Amino acid sequence: MPYVISEPCLDVLDKSCVEQCPVDCIYEGERMLYIHPDECIDCGACEPACPMEAIRHESAVPPEWADFIEASHTFFDGLGSPRGASEVGKVANDPEWIKAAPKAT
């Protein structure tokens, strides 16, 4: 998995990163965005576009946000690889612990 969206995106859903993604691999869950681990081409265009600094290369995700790496994999379980987030739209597939997380204020 090249890039991961982490905690600062929770309940923000800014989508500036979506506009920059050349392969349409950033999917929308109910509470945050997720980068498809198999569709991402590791170009990095999304990272500087994120105003929340929520996007990091997997190798640079801080330990306190490491659970978001697994959350990205879990989000796509059952969804597979649709090859285009814009065709799919919002997906109610956030991992349970994200659904249960306190709402960001």
Protein backbone atom coordinates (compact mmCIF):
# COMPACT_ATOMS: atom_id res chain seq x y z
CA MET A 1 0.00 0.00 0.00
CA PRO A 2 1.72 3.19 -1.11
CA TYR A 3 -0.37 5.95 0.53
CA VAL A 4 -2.73 5.92 3.50
CA ILE A 5 -5.33 8.41 4.69
CA SER A 6 -5.32 8.67 8.47
CA GLU A 7 -6.97 10.23 11.52
CA PRO A 8 -7.03 13.91 10.47
CA CYS A 9 -9.49 12.99 7.68
CA LEU A 10 -12.00 11.45 10.06
CA ASP A 11 -15.28 13.37 9.63
CA VAL A 12 -13.61 15.97 7.37
CA LEU A 13 -13.99 14.50 3.85
CA ASP A 14 -12.40 17.56 2.18
CA LYS A 15 -11.83 15.71 -1.15
CA SER A 16 -9.04 17.99 -2.41
CA CYS A 17 -7.00 14.83 -2.79
CA VAL A 18 -9.67 13.23 -4.98
CA GLU A 19 -9.35 16.06 -7.50
CA GLN A 20 -5.59 15.44 -7.78
CA CYS A 21 -5.68 11.65 -8.12
CA PRO A 22 -4.92 10.68 -11.74
CA VAL A 23 -6.26 7.13 -11.36
CA ASP A 24 -9.47 7.77 -9.36
CA CYS A 25 -8.43 5.46 -6.49
CA ILE A 26 -9.63 7.52 -3.50
CA TYR A 27 -12.95 6.15 -2.29
CA GLU A 28 -15.43 7.78 0.06
CA GLY A 29 -16.68 6.00 3.15
CA GLU A 30 -19.27 7.39 5.51
CA ARG A 31 -16.73 9.06 7.82
CA MET A 32 -13.50 9.35 5.84
CA LEU A 33 -11.73 8.72 2.54
CA TYR A 34 -9.64 5.65 1.68
CA ILE A 35 -6.94 5.04 -0.93
CA HIS A 36 -7.30 1.71 -2.69
CA PRO A 37 -4.07 -0.20 -1.96
CA ASP A 38 -4.03 -2.01 -5.32
CA GLU A 39 -5.23 0.82 -7.55
CA CYS A 40 -2.86 3.51 -6.22
CA ILE A 41 0.10 4.04 -8.56
CA ASP A 42 2.26 5.65 -5.86
CA CYS A 43 2.45 9.00 -7.68
CA GLY A 44 2.02 11.08 -4.51
CA ALA A 45 -0.21 13.72 -6.12
CA CYS A 46 -2.75 13.39 -3.30
CA GLU A 47 -0.36 14.04 -0.43
CA PRO A 48 0.32 17.78 -0.92
CA ALA A 49 -3.34 18.37 -1.87
CA CYS A 50 -4.62 17.33 1.56
CA PRO A 51 -5.19 20.42 3.73
CA MET A 52 -5.41 18.21 6.83
CA GLU A 53 -2.04 16.49 6.22
CA ALA A 54 -3.88 13.18 6.64
CA ILE A 55 -2.19 11.45 3.69
CA ARG A 56 1.16 9.82 4.23
CA HIS A 57 3.21 7.21 2.51
CA GLU A 58 2.65 3.96 4.37
CA SER A 59 6.26 3.99 5.55
CA ALA A 60 5.76 7.46 7.09
CA VAL A 61 2.50 6.85 8.98
CA PRO A 62 3.14 7.72 12.65
CA PRO A 63 2.74 4.83 15.12
CA GLU A 64 -0.35 6.41 16.67
CA TRP A 65 -2.10 6.21 13.28
CA ALA A 66 -0.88 2.73 12.29
CA ASP A 67 -4.42 1.30 12.64
CA PHE A 68 -5.43 3.36 9.60
CA ILE A 69 -3.20 1.17 7.41
CA GLU A 70 -5.30 -1.85 8.34
CA ALA A 71 -8.49 0.22 8.07
CA SER A 72 -7.66 0.87 4.41
CA HIS A 73 -7.40 -2.84 3.74
CA THR A 74 -10.58 -3.60 5.72
CA PHE A 75 -12.57 -0.94 3.84
CA PHE A 76 -11.92 -2.74 0.56
CA ASP A 77 -12.73 -6.25 1.84
CA GLY A 78 -15.79 -7.31 -0.09
CA LEU A 79 -15.59 -4.26 -2.36
CA GLY A 80 -12.67 -5.63 -4.32
CA SER A 81 -11.10 -3.43 -6.96
CA PRO A 82 -13.84 -1.55 -8.83
CA ARG A 83 -11.22 0.46 -10.79
CA GLY A 84 -12.73 3.86 -10.25
CA ALA A 85 -14.06 5.59 -7.18
CA SER A 86 -16.19 8.08 -9.10
CA GLU A 87 -18.28 5.26 -10.55
CA VAL A 88 -18.84 3.71 -7.11
CA GLY A 89 -19.80 6.78 -5.06
CA LYS A 90 -20.03 6.76 -1.28
CA VAL A 91 -19.62 3.30 0.26
CA ALA A 92 -20.94 2.38 3.71
CA ASN A 93 -17.95 0.15 4.39
CA ASP A 94 -16.00 1.96 7.11
CA PRO A 95 -14.40 -0.52 9.53
CA GLU A 96 -16.38 -0.96 12.75
CA TRP A 97 -13.84 0.87 14.90
CA ILE A 98 -14.03 3.90 12.60
CA LYS A 99 -17.84 3.83 12.73
CA ALA A 100 -17.63 3.74 16.53
CA ALA A 101 -14.96 6.46 16.87
CA PRO A 102 -16.05 9.64 18.65
CA LYS A 103 -17.18 12.31 16.21
CA ALA A 104 -14.50 14.88 15.45
CA THR A 105 -15.35 18.39 16.52
